[in-house]
Amino acid sequence: MLNYFPKTADYLNSIDINQADPIDKKAKELIYDEAAYERASQALRRRFARGADEVEGMDRGEKLTKIKRKGSIGKYHYMLMGEDGSWNEPDERIWVVAMYALWQDSKKR
């Protein structure tokens, strides 16, 4: 996964993960565990394939946020809702998957 998300890998390797917030820890977990990444990514895709317009996720500080998908078959872009309500596309998709996986984890508690 490191080759797929070079910016994220560089960022995560430059911080003290013990002091990092939960989203950075989740992204690091996913970037080094391809099976975990694929499970979370597939779950996110299934939610949209089943008709969801927006899906919940958790951002920095474990605050709820929304994720939406734009595009057509085979060429999708994932957008994240900012605190001001604007929609932004992250540099790399792993952040969307990490936010969704973090939200999934919160439901297990």
PDB file of N, CA and C in Angstrom:
ATOM      1  N   MET A   1       0.818  -1.187   0.000  1.00  0.00           N
ATOM      2  CA  MET A   1       0.000   0.000   0.000  1.00  0.00           C
ATOM      3  C   MET A   1       0.869   1.261   0.000  1.00  0.00           C
ATOM      4  N   LEU A   2       2.096   1.132   0.455  1.00  0.00           N
ATOM      5  CA  LEU A   2       2.982   2.294   0.501  1.00  0.00           C
ATOM      6  C   LEU A   2       3.175   2.915  -0.878  1.00  0.00           C
ATOM      7  N   ASN A   3       3.236   2.071  -1.901  1.00  0.00           N
ATOM      8  CA  ASN A   3       3.436   2.575  -3.257  1.00  0.00           C
ATOM      9  C   ASN A   3       2.209   3.304  -3.795  1.00  0.00           C
ATOM     10  N   TYR A   4       1.028   2.949  -3.297  1.00  0.00           N
ATOM     11  CA  TYR A   4      -0.203   3.576  -3.766  1.00  0.00           C
ATOM     12  C   TYR A   4      -0.433   4.947  -3.149  1.00  0.00           C
ATOM     13  N   PHE A   5       0.088   5.150  -1.952  1.00  0.00           N
ATOM     14  CA  PHE A   5      -0.166   6.390  -1.213  1.00  0.00           C
ATOM     15  C   PHE A   5       1.142   7.007  -0.710  1.00  0.00           C
ATOM     16  N   PRO A   6       2.003   7.453  -1.622  1.00  0.00           N
ATOM     17  CA  PRO A   6       3.325   7.929  -1.214  1.00  0.00           C
ATOM     18  C   PRO A   6       3.287   9.182  -0.333  1.00  0.00           C
ATOM     19  N   LYS A   7       2.386  10.107  -0.593  1.00  0.00           N
ATOM     20  CA  LYS A   7       2.310  11.318   0.234  1.00  0.00           C
ATOM     21  C   LYS A   7       1.909  10.978   1.661  1.00  0.00           C
ATOM     22  N   THR A   8       0.940  10.093   1.778  1.00  0.00           N
ATOM     23  CA  THR A   8       0.482   9.680   3.101  1.00  0.00           C
ATOM     24  C   THR A   8       1.577   8.921   3.829  1.00  0.00           C
ATOM     25  N   ALA A   9       2.264   8.023   3.140  1.00  0.00           N
ATOM     26  CA  ALA A   9       3.347   7.263   3.762  1.00  0.00           C
ATOM     27  C   ALA A   9       4.446   8.198   4.260  1.00  0.00           C
ATOM     28  N   ASP A  10       4.818   9.181   3.450  1.00  0.00           N
ATOM     29  CA  ASP A  10       5.840  10.147   3.871  1.00  0.00           C
ATOM     30  C   ASP A  10       5.389  10.911   5.114  1.00  0.00           C
ATOM     31  N   TYR A  11       4.140  11.373   5.100  1.00  0.00           N
ATOM     32  CA  TYR A  11       3.602  12.117   6.240  1.00  0.00           C
ATOM     33  C   TYR A  11       3.590  11.253   7.496  1.00  0.00           C
ATOM     34  N   LEU A  12       3.048  10.030   7.397  1.00  0.00           N
ATOM     35  CA  LEU A  12       2.923   9.167   8.569  1.00  0.00           C
ATOM     36  C   LEU A  12       4.275   8.742   9.124  1.00  0.00           C
ATOM     37  N   ASN A  13       5.266   8.607   8.250  1.00  0.00           N
ATOM     38  CA  ASN A  13       6.604   8.243   8.713  1.00  0.00           C
ATOM     39  C   ASN A  13       7.346   9.429   9.330  1.00  0.00           C
ATOM     40  N   SER A  14       6.824  10.639   9.132  1.00  0.00           N
ATOM     41  CA  SER A  14       7.488  11.823   9.676  1.00  0.00           C
ATOM     42  C   SER A  14       6.939  12.249  11.038  1.00  0.00           C
ATOM     43  N   ILE A  15       5.858  11.608  11.497  1.00  0.00           N
ATOM     44  CA  ILE A  15       5.263  12.005  12.778  1.00  0.00           C
ATOM     45  C   ILE A  15       5.491  10.933  13.837  1.00  0.00           C
ATOM     46  N   ASP A  16       5.349  11.321  15.098  1.00  0.00           N
ATOM     47  CA  ASP A  16       5.413  10.370  16.211  1.00  0.00           C
ATOM     48  C   ASP A  16       4.021   9.752  16.331  1.00  0.00           C
ATOM     49  N   ILE A  17       3.887   8.529  15.879  1.00  0.00           N
ATOM     50  CA  ILE A  17       2.571   7.888  15.833  1.00  0.00           C
ATOM     51  C   ILE A  17       1.995   7.697  17.229  1.00  0.00           C
ATOM     52  N   ASN A  18       2.841   7.622  18.250  1.00  0.00           N
ATOM     53  CA  ASN A  18       2.349   7.480  19.625  1.00  0.00           C
ATOM     54  C   ASN A  18       1.629   8.736  20.099  1.00  0.00           C
ATOM     55  N   GLN A  19       1.964   9.870  19.517  1.00  0.00           N
ATOM     56  CA  GLN A  19       1.331  11.138  19.876  1.00  0.00           C
ATOM     57  C   GLN A  19       0.283  11.569  18.841  1.00  0.00           C
ATOM     58  N   ALA A  20       0.089  10.766  17.816  1.00  0.00           N
ATOM     59  CA  ALA A  20      -0.809  11.120  16.706  1.00  0.00           C
ATOM     60  C   ALA A  20      -2.272  10.978  17.108  1.00  0.00           C
ATOM     61  N   ASP A  21      -3.118  11.646  16.345  1.00  0.00           N
ATOM     62  CA  ASP A  21      -4.553  11.513  16.607  1.00  0.00           C
ATOM     63  C   ASP A  21      -5.066  10.215  15.972  1.00  0.00           C
ATOM     64  N   PRO A  22      -6.291   9.811  16.322  1.00  0.00           N
ATOM     65  CA  PRO A  22      -6.815   8.510  15.861  1.00  0.00           C
ATOM     66  C   PRO A  22      -6.854   8.336  14.345  1.00  0.00           C
ATOM     67  N   ILE A  23      -7.092   9.394  13.593  1.00  0.00           N
ATOM     68  CA  ILE A  23      -7.168   9.239  12.129  1.00  0.00           C
ATOM     69  C   ILE A  23      -5.787   8.902  11.552  1.00  0.00           C
ATOM     70  N   ASP A  24      -4.732   9.503  12.101  1.00  0.00           N
ATOM     71  CA  ASP A  24      -3.382   9.173  11.643  1.00  0.00           C
ATOM     72  C   ASP A  24      -3.033   7.732  12.009  1.00  0.00           C
ATOM     73  N   LYS A  25      -3.423   7.303  13.200  1.00  0.00           N
ATOM     74  CA  LYS A  25      -3.153   5.925  13.618  1.00  0.00           C
ATOM     75  C   LYS A  25      -3.894   4.939  12.723  1.00  0.00           C
ATOM     76  N   LYS A  26      -5.139   5.247  12.394  1.00  0.00           N
ATOM     77  CA  LYS A  26      -5.924   4.356  11.532  1.00  0.00           C
ATOM     78  C   LYS A  26      -5.327   4.318  10.126  1.00  0.00           C
ATOM     79  N   ALA A  27      -4.928   5.476   9.590  1.00  0.00           N
ATOM     80  CA  ALA A  27      -4.318   5.507   8.255  1.00  0.00           C
ATOM     81  C   ALA A  27      -3.034   4.685   8.233  1.00  0.00           C
ATOM     82  N   LYS A  28      -2.234   4.784   9.299  1.00  0.00           N
ATOM     83  CA  LYS A  28      -0.986   4.014   9.353  1.00  0.00           C
ATOM     84  C   LYS A  28      -1.292   2.516   9.414  1.00  0.00           C
ATOM     85  N   GLU A  29      -2.299   2.151  10.185  1.00  0.00           N
ATOM     86  CA  GLU A  29      -2.704   0.746  10.259  1.00  0.00           C
ATOM     87  C   GLU A  29      -3.109   0.233   8.869  1.00  0.00           C
ATOM     88  N   LEU A  30      -3.899   1.023   8.159  1.00  0.00           N
ATOM     89  CA  LEU A  30      -4.387   0.600   6.841  1.00  0.00           C
ATOM     90  C   LEU A  30      -3.288   0.571   5.792  1.00  0.00           C
ATOM     91  N   ILE A  31      -2.356   1.495   5.872  1.00  0.00           N
ATOM     92  CA  ILE A  31      -1.305   1.563   4.858  1.00  0.00           C
ATOM     93  C   ILE A  31      -0.335   0.377   4.974  1.00  0.00           C
ATOM     94  N   TYR A  32      -0.246  -0.193   6.178  1.00  0.00           N
ATOM     95  CA  TYR A  32       0.643  -1.339   6.381  1.00  0.00           C
ATOM     96  C   TYR A  32      -0.083  -2.682   6.416  1.00  0.00           C
ATOM     97  N   ASP A  33      -1.413  -2.668   6.336  1.00  0.00           N
ATOM     98  CA  ASP A  33      -2.195  -3.904   6.364  1.00  0.00           C
ATOM     99  C   ASP A  33      -3.179  -3.885   5.192  1.00  0.00           C
ATOM    100  N   GLU A  34      -2.746  -4.441   4.072  1.00  0.00           N
ATOM    101  CA  GLU A  34      -3.545  -4.393   2.852  1.00  0.00           C
ATOM    102  C   GLU A  34      -4.902  -5.054   3.023  1.00  0.00           C
ATOM    103  N   ALA A  35      -4.976  -6.139   3.780  1.00  0.00           N
ATOM    104  CA  ALA A  35      -6.258  -6.823   3.992  1.00  0.00           C
ATOM    105  C   ALA A  35      -7.229  -5.918   4.753  1.00  0.00           C
ATOM    106  N   ALA A  36      -6.743  -5.221   5.768  1.00  0.00           N
ATOM    107  CA  ALA A  36      -7.603  -4.300   6.529  1.00  0.00           C
ATOM    108  C   ALA A  36      -8.055  -3.151   5.645  1.00  0.00           C
ATOM    109  N   TYR A  37      -7.157  -2.637   4.810  1.00  0.00           N
ATOM    110  CA  TYR A  37      -7.518  -1.566   3.883  1.00  0.00           C
ATOM    111  C   TYR A  37      -8.616  -2.037   2.933  1.00  0.00           C
ATOM    112  N   GLU A  38      -8.452  -3.207   2.362  1.00  0.00           N
ATOM    113  CA  GLU A  38      -9.429  -3.727   1.405  1.00  0.00           C
ATOM    114  C   GLU A  38     -10.787  -3.962   2.051  1.00  0.00           C
ATOM    115  N   ARG A  39     -10.813  -4.457   3.302  1.00  0.00           N
ATOM    116  CA  ARG A  39     -12.096  -4.661   3.994  1.00  0.00           C
ATOM    117  C   ARG A  39     -12.835  -3.342   4.163  1.00  0.00           C
ATOM    118  N   ALA A  40     -12.130  -2.334   4.642  1.00  0.00           N
ATOM    119  CA  ALA A  40     -12.754  -1.024   4.862  1.00  0.00           C
ATOM    120  C   ALA A  40     -13.163  -0.378   3.538  1.00  0.00           C
ATOM    121  N   SER A  41     -12.306  -0.481   2.535  1.00  0.00           N
ATOM    122  CA  SER A  41     -12.588   0.103   1.230  1.00  0.00           C
ATOM    123  C   SER A  41     -13.810  -0.551   0.588  1.00  0.00           C
ATOM    124  N   GLN A  42     -13.887  -1.865   0.659  1.00  0.00           N
ATOM    125  CA  GLN A  42     -15.035  -2.594   0.096  1.00  0.00           C
ATOM    126  C   GLN A  42     -16.324  -2.242   0.829  1.00  0.00           C
ATOM    127  N   ALA A  43     -16.251  -2.124   2.141  1.00  0.00           N
ATOM    128  CA  ALA A  43     -17.442  -1.761   2.921  1.00  0.00           C
ATOM    129  C   ALA A  43     -17.939  -0.380   2.520  1.00  0.00           C
ATOM    130  N   LEU A  44     -17.020   0.546   2.328  1.00  0.00           N
ATOM    131  CA  LEU A  44     -17.384   1.899   1.898  1.00  0.00           C
ATOM    132  C   LEU A  44     -18.030   1.864   0.512  1.00  0.00           C
ATOM    133  N   ARG A  45     -17.424   1.143  -0.419  1.00  0.00           N
ATOM    134  CA  ARG A  45     -17.986   1.031  -1.768  1.00  0.00           C
ATOM    135  C   ARG A  45     -19.375   0.409  -1.761  1.00  0.00           C
ATOM    136  N   ARG A  46     -19.557  -0.616  -0.931  1.00  0.00           N
ATOM    137  CA  ARG A  46     -20.871  -1.270  -0.839  1.00  0.00           C
ATOM    138  C   ARG A  46     -21.955  -0.309  -0.373  1.00  0.00           C
ATOM    139  N   ARG A  47     -21.614   0.552   0.584  1.00  0.00           N
ATOM    140  CA  ARG A  47     -22.600   1.523   1.078  1.00  0.00           C
ATOM    141  C   ARG A  47     -23.100   2.403  -0.054  1.00  0.00           C
ATOM    142  N   PHE A  48     -22.192   2.860  -0.905  1.00  0.00           N
ATOM    143  CA  PHE A  48     -22.597   3.700  -2.032  1.00  0.00           C
ATOM    144  C   PHE A  48     -23.306   2.880  -3.107  1.00  0.00           C
ATOM    145  N   ALA A  49     -22.840   1.680  -3.343  1.00  0.00           N
ATOM    146  CA  ALA A  49     -23.466   0.825  -4.355  1.00  0.00           C
ATOM    147  C   ALA A  49     -24.908   0.485  -3.975  1.00  0.00           C
ATOM    148  N   ARG A  50     -25.192   0.470  -2.693  1.00  0.00           N
ATOM    149  CA  ARG A  50     -26.549   0.176  -2.218  1.00  0.00           C
ATOM    150  C   ARG A  50     -27.431   1.415  -2.152  1.00  0.00           C
ATOM    151  N   GLY A  51     -26.915   2.530  -2.653  1.00  0.00           N
ATOM    152  CA  GLY A  51     -27.765   3.693  -2.798  1.00  0.00           C
ATOM    153  C   GLY A  51     -27.538   4.859  -1.849  1.00  0.00           C
ATOM    154  N   ALA A  52     -26.570   4.785  -0.979  1.00  0.00           N
ATOM    155  CA  ALA A  52     -26.323   5.902  -0.063  1.00  0.00           C
ATOM    156  C   ALA A  52     -25.796   7.108  -0.835  1.00  0.00           C
ATOM    157  N   ASP A  53     -26.307   8.284  -0.529  1.00  0.00           N
ATOM    158  CA  ASP A  53     -25.796   9.524  -1.118  1.00  0.00           C
ATOM    159  C   ASP A  53     -24.602  10.033  -0.321  1.00  0.00           C
ATOM    160  N   GLU A  54     -24.698   9.879   0.994  1.00  0.00           N
ATOM    161  CA  GLU A  54     -23.629  10.286   1.901  1.00  0.00           C
ATOM    162  C   GLU A  54     -23.446   9.203   2.944  1.00  0.00           C
ATOM    163  N   VAL A  55     -22.217   9.044   3.410  1.00  0.00           N
ATOM    164  CA  VAL A  55     -21.870   8.043   4.403  1.00  0.00           C
ATOM    165  C   VAL A  55     -21.136   8.765   5.527  1.00  0.00           C
ATOM    166  N   GLU A  56     -21.317   8.304   6.743  1.00  0.00           N
ATOM    167  CA  GLU A  56     -20.637   8.929   7.864  1.00  0.00           C
ATOM    168  C   GLU A  56     -19.195   8.453   7.969  1.00  0.00           C
ATOM    169  N   GLY A  57     -18.379   9.316   8.502  1.00  0.00           N
ATOM    170  CA  GLY A  57     -16.985   9.027   8.787  1.00  0.00           C
ATOM    171  C   GLY A  57     -16.583   9.849  10.000  1.00  0.00           C
ATOM    172  N   MET A  58     -15.362   9.674  10.449  1.00  0.00           N
ATOM    173  CA  MET A  58     -14.854  10.448  11.583  1.00  0.00           C
ATOM    174  C   MET A  58     -13.579  11.145  11.160  1.00  0.00           C
ATOM    175  N   ASP A  59     -13.489  12.431  11.471  1.00  0.00           N
ATOM    176  CA  ASP A  59     -12.305  13.188  11.090  1.00  0.00           C
ATOM    177  C   ASP A  59     -11.381  13.365  12.291  1.00  0.00           C
ATOM    178  N   ARG A  60     -10.444  14.275  12.165  1.00  0.00           N
ATOM    179  CA  ARG A  60      -9.527  14.541  13.272  1.00  0.00           C
ATOM    180  C   ARG A  60     -10.321  14.963  14.494  1.00  0.00           C
ATOM    181  N   GLY A  61      -9.917  14.503  15.627  1.00  0.00           N
ATOM    182  CA  GLY A  61     -10.653  14.805  16.836  1.00  0.00           C
ATOM    183  C   GLY A  61     -11.875  13.918  17.016  1.00  0.00           C
ATOM    184  N   GLU A  62     -12.006  12.912  16.153  1.00  0.00           N
ATOM    185  CA  GLU A  62     -13.109  11.954  16.184  1.00  0.00           C
ATOM    186  C   GLU A  62     -14.480  12.628  16.111  1.00  0.00           C
ATOM    187  N   LYS A  63     -14.568  13.663  15.288  1.00  0.00           N
ATOM    188  CA  LYS A  63     -15.849  14.324  15.048  1.00  0.00           C
ATOM    189  C   LYS A  63     -16.497  13.690  13.825  1.00  0.00           C
ATOM    190  N   LEU A  64     -17.819  13.544  13.875  1.00  0.00           N
ATOM    191  CA  LEU A  64     -18.539  12.977  12.737  1.00  0.00           C
ATOM    192  C   LEU A  64     -18.434  13.907  11.538  1.00  0.00           C
ATOM    193  N   THR A  65     -18.274  13.319  10.381  1.00  0.00           N
ATOM    194  CA  THR A  65     -18.268  14.059   9.134  1.00  0.00           C
ATOM    195  C   THR A  65     -18.987  13.225   8.092  1.00  0.00           C
ATOM    196  N   LYS A  66     -19.148  13.756   6.925  1.00  0.00           N
ATOM    197  CA  LYS A  66     -19.827  13.054   5.838  1.00  0.00           C
ATOM    198  C   LYS A  66     -18.865  12.799   4.687  1.00  0.00           C
ATOM    199  N   ILE A  67     -19.099  11.708   3.991  1.00  0.00           N
ATOM    200  CA  ILE A  67     -18.337  11.317   2.807  1.00  0.00           C
ATOM    201  C   ILE A  67     -19.350  11.155   1.671  1.00  0.00           C
ATOM    202  N   LYS A  68     -19.024  11.673   0.507  1.00  0.00           N
ATOM    203  CA  LYS A  68     -19.876  11.402  -0.652  1.00  0.00           C
ATOM    204  C   LYS A  68     -18.998  10.992  -1.824  1.00  0.00           C
ATOM    205  N   ARG A  69     -19.636  10.354  -2.788  1.00  0.00           N
ATOM    206  CA  ARG A  69     -18.927   9.845  -3.956  1.00  0.00           C
ATOM    207  C   ARG A  69     -19.517  10.488  -5.191  1.00  0.00           C
ATOM    208  N   LYS A  70     -18.638  10.972  -6.053  1.00  0.00           N
ATOM    209  CA  LYS A  70     -19.052  11.569  -7.328  1.00  0.00           C
ATOM    210  C   LYS A  70     -18.385  10.805  -8.452  1.00  0.00           C
ATOM    211  N   GLY A  71     -19.002  10.837  -9.602  1.00  0.00           N
ATOM    212  CA  GLY A  71     -18.390  10.200 -10.767  1.00  0.00           C
ATOM    213  C   GLY A  71     -19.284   9.148 -11.363  1.00  0.00           C
ATOM    214  N   SER A  72     -18.704   8.384 -12.274  1.00  0.00           N
ATOM    215  CA  SER A  72     -19.455   7.325 -12.942  1.00  0.00           C
ATOM    216  C   SER A  72     -18.681   6.019 -12.823  1.00  0.00           C
ATOM    217  N   ILE A  73     -19.266   4.976 -13.298  1.00  0.00           N
ATOM    218  CA  ILE A  73     -18.722   3.625 -13.132  1.00  0.00           C
ATOM    219  C   ILE A  73     -17.223   3.585 -13.454  1.00  0.00           C
ATOM    220  N   GLY A  74     -16.453   3.126 -12.484  1.00  0.00           N
ATOM    221  CA  GLY A  74     -15.017   2.957 -12.667  1.00  0.00           C
ATOM    222  C   GLY A  74     -14.188   4.203 -12.417  1.00  0.00           C
ATOM    223  N   LYS A  75     -14.805   5.365 -12.340  1.00  0.00           N
ATOM    224  CA  LYS A  75     -14.050   6.602 -12.149  1.00  0.00           C
ATOM    225  C   LYS A  75     -14.752   7.459 -11.087  1.00  0.00           C
ATOM    226  N   TYR A  76     -14.540   7.090  -9.828  1.00  0.00           N
ATOM    227  CA  TYR A  76     -15.187   7.789  -8.729  1.00  0.00           C
ATOM    228  C   TYR A  76     -14.200   8.688  -7.996  1.00  0.00           C
ATOM    229  N   HIS A  77     -14.748   9.765  -7.464  1.00  0.00           N
ATOM    230  CA  HIS A  77     -13.991  10.673  -6.607  1.00  0.00           C
ATOM    231  C   HIS A  77     -14.735  10.747  -5.286  1.00  0.00           C
ATOM    232  N   TYR A  78     -14.004  10.647  -4.201  1.00  0.00           N
ATOM    233  CA  TYR A  78     -14.606  10.712  -2.881  1.00  0.00           C
ATOM    234  C   TYR A  78     -14.350  12.088  -2.297  1.00  0.00           C
ATOM    235  N   MET A  79     -15.396  12.658  -1.714  1.00  0.00           N
ATOM    236  CA  MET A  79     -15.331  14.004  -1.172  1.00  0.00           C
ATOM    237  C   MET A  79     -15.637  13.950   0.325  1.00  0.00           C
ATOM    238  N   LEU A  80     -14.977  14.822   1.077  1.00  0.00           N
ATOM    239  CA  LEU A  80     -15.182  14.916   2.520  1.00  0.00           C
ATOM    240  C   LEU A  80     -15.786  16.265   2.867  1.00  0.00           C
ATOM    241  N   MET A  81     -16.724  16.263   3.799  1.00  0.00           N
ATOM    242  CA  MET A  81     -17.330  17.507   4.232  1.00  0.00           C
ATOM    243  C   MET A  81     -16.444  18.162   5.282  1.00  0.00           C
ATOM    244  N   GLY A  82     -16.114  19.415   5.042  1.00  0.00           N
ATOM    245  CA  GLY A  82     -15.325  20.174   5.993  1.00  0.00           C
ATOM    246  C   GLY A  82     -16.202  20.733   7.102  1.00  0.00           C
ATOM    247  N   GLU A  83     -15.573  21.306   8.113  1.00  0.00           N
ATOM    248  CA  GLU A  83     -16.313  21.877   9.235  1.00  0.00           C
ATOM    249  C   GLU A  83     -17.249  22.991   8.790  1.00  0.00           C
ATOM    250  N   ASP A  84     -16.901  23.683   7.719  1.00  0.00           N
ATOM    251  CA  ASP A  84     -17.723  24.793   7.221  1.00  0.00           C
ATOM    252  C   ASP A  84     -18.804  24.323   6.242  1.00  0.00           C
ATOM    253  N   GLY A  85     -18.925  23.013   6.028  1.00  0.00           N
ATOM    254  CA  GLY A  85     -19.941  22.470   5.136  1.00  0.00           C
ATOM    255  C   GLY A  85     -19.509  22.336   3.688  1.00  0.00           C
ATOM    256  N   SER A  86     -18.280  22.761   3.380  1.00  0.00           N
ATOM    257  CA  SER A  86     -17.787  22.633   2.011  1.00  0.00           C
ATOM    258  C   SER A  86     -17.297  21.203   1.772  1.00  0.00           C
ATOM    259  N   TRP A  87     -17.257  20.805   0.498  1.00  0.00           N
ATOM    260  CA  TRP A  87     -16.812  19.465   0.122  1.00  0.00           C
ATOM    261  C   TRP A  87     -15.434  19.562  -0.509  1.00  0.00           C
ATOM    262  N   ASN A  88     -14.522  18.699  -0.056  1.00  0.00           N
ATOM    263  CA  ASN A  88     -13.145  18.712  -0.549  1.00  0.00           C
ATOM    264  C   ASN A  88     -12.701  17.291  -0.849  1.00  0.00           C
ATOM    265  N   GLU A  89     -11.872  17.168  -1.873  1.00  0.00           N
ATOM    266  CA  GLU A  89     -11.293  15.869  -2.217  1.00  0.00           C
ATOM    267  C   GLU A  89      -9.917  15.771  -1.582  1.00  0.00           C
ATOM    268  N   PRO A  90      -9.662  14.720  -0.798  1.00  0.00           N
ATOM    269  CA  PRO A  90      -8.339  14.576  -0.180  1.00  0.00           C
ATOM    270  C   PRO A  90      -7.278  14.249  -1.230  1.00  0.00           C
ATOM    271  N   ASP A  91      -6.013  14.486  -0.870  1.00  0.00           N
ATOM    272  CA  ASP A  91      -4.914  14.183  -1.785  1.00  0.00           C
ATOM    273  C   ASP A  91      -4.900  12.712  -2.184  1.00  0.00           C
ATOM    274  N   GLU A  92      -5.146  11.842  -1.201  1.00  0.00           N
ATOM    275  CA  GLU A  92      -5.105  10.406  -1.475  1.00  0.00           C
ATOM    276  C   GLU A  92      -6.305   9.725  -0.814  1.00  0.00           C
ATOM    277  N   ARG A  93      -6.820   8.735  -1.479  1.00  0.00           N
ATOM    278  CA  ARG A  93      -8.057   8.065  -1.063  1.00  0.00           C
ATOM    279  C   ARG A  93      -7.955   7.380   0.293  1.00  0.00           C
ATOM    280  N   ILE A  94      -6.765   7.060   0.725  1.00  0.00           N
ATOM    281  CA  ILE A  94      -6.628   6.358   2.001  1.00  0.00           C
ATOM    282  C   ILE A  94      -7.245   7.148   3.149  1.00  0.00           C
ATOM    283  N   TRP A  95      -7.269   8.476   3.049  1.00  0.00           N
ATOM    284  CA  TRP A  95      -7.852   9.285   4.127  1.00  0.00           C
ATOM    285  C   TRP A  95      -9.358   9.065   4.218  1.00  0.00           C
ATOM    286  N   VAL A  96     -10.018   8.904   3.098  1.00  0.00           N
ATOM    287  CA  VAL A  96     -11.461   8.630   3.097  1.00  0.00           C
ATOM    288  C   VAL A  96     -11.715   7.267   3.723  1.00  0.00           C
ATOM    289  N   VAL A  97     -10.942   6.282   3.321  1.00  0.00           N
ATOM    290  CA  VAL A  97     -11.105   4.928   3.852  1.00  0.00           C
ATOM    291  C   VAL A  97     -10.800   4.912   5.348  1.00  0.00           C
ATOM    292  N   ALA A  98      -9.784   5.635   5.775  1.00  0.00           N
ATOM    293  CA  ALA A  98      -9.441   5.693   7.198  1.00  0.00           C
ATOM    294  C   ALA A  98     -10.566   6.349   7.999  1.00  0.00           C
ATOM    295  N   MET A  99     -11.167   7.402   7.462  1.00  0.00           N
ATOM    296  CA  MET A  99     -12.268   8.067   8.165  1.00  0.00           C
ATOM    297  C   MET A  99     -13.471   7.142   8.295  1.00  0.00           C
ATOM    298  N   TYR A 100     -13.748   6.388   7.247  1.00  0.00           N
ATOM    299  CA  TYR A 100     -14.853   5.438   7.297  1.00  0.00           C
ATOM    300  C   TYR A 100     -14.531   4.301   8.279  1.00  0.00           C
ATOM    301  N   ALA A 101     -13.316   3.776   8.230  1.00  0.00           N
ATOM    302  CA  ALA A 101     -12.912   2.696   9.130  1.00  0.00           C
ATOM    303  C   ALA A 101     -12.940   3.152  10.589  1.00  0.00           C
ATOM    304  N   LEU A 102     -12.541   4.373  10.846  1.00  0.00           N
ATOM    305  CA  LEU A 102     -12.583   4.919  12.201  1.00  0.00           C
ATOM    306  C   LEU A 102     -14.031   5.009  12.686  1.00  0.00           C
ATOM    307  N   TRP A 103     -14.930   5.416  11.807  1.00  0.00           N
ATOM    308  CA  TRP A 103     -16.350   5.462  12.145  1.00  0.00           C
ATOM    309  C   TRP A 103     -16.869   4.054  12.433  1.00  0.00           C
ATOM    310  N   GLN A 104     -16.472   3.074  11.593  1.00  0.00           N
ATOM    311  CA  GLN A 104     -16.873   1.678  11.832  1.00  0.00           C
ATOM    312  C   GLN A 104     -16.405   1.221  13.208  1.00  0.00           C
ATOM    313  N   ASP A 105     -15.163   1.528  13.548  1.00  0.00           N
ATOM    314  CA  ASP A 105     -14.611   1.149  14.847  1.00  0.00           C
ATOM    315  C   ASP A 105     -15.412   1.744  15.993  1.00  0.00           C
ATOM    316  N   SER A 106     -15.888   2.987  15.821  1.00  0.00           N
ATOM    317  CA  SER A 106     -16.641   3.648  16.882  1.00  0.00           C
ATOM    318  C   SER A 106     -17.971   2.948  17.144  1.00  0.00           C
ATOM    319  N   LYS A 107     -18.494   2.266  16.150  1.00  0.00           N
ATOM    320  CA  LYS A 107     -19.772   1.562  16.303  1.00  0.00           C
ATOM    321  C   LYS A 107     -19.603   0.239  17.048  1.00  0.00           C
ATOM    322  N   LYS A 108     -18.375  -0.245  17.129  1.00  0.00           N
ATOM    323  CA  LYS A 108     -18.097  -1.505  17.811  1.00  0.00           C
ATOM    324  C   LYS A 108     -17.902  -1.325  19.301  1.00  0.00           C
ATOM    325  N   ARG A 109     -17.679  -0.088  19.705  1.00  0.00           N
ATOM    326  CA  ARG A 109     -17.406   0.180  21.138  1.00  0.00           C
ATOM    327  C   ARG A 109     -18.650   0.027  21.972  1.00  0.00           C
TER     328      ARG A 109
END
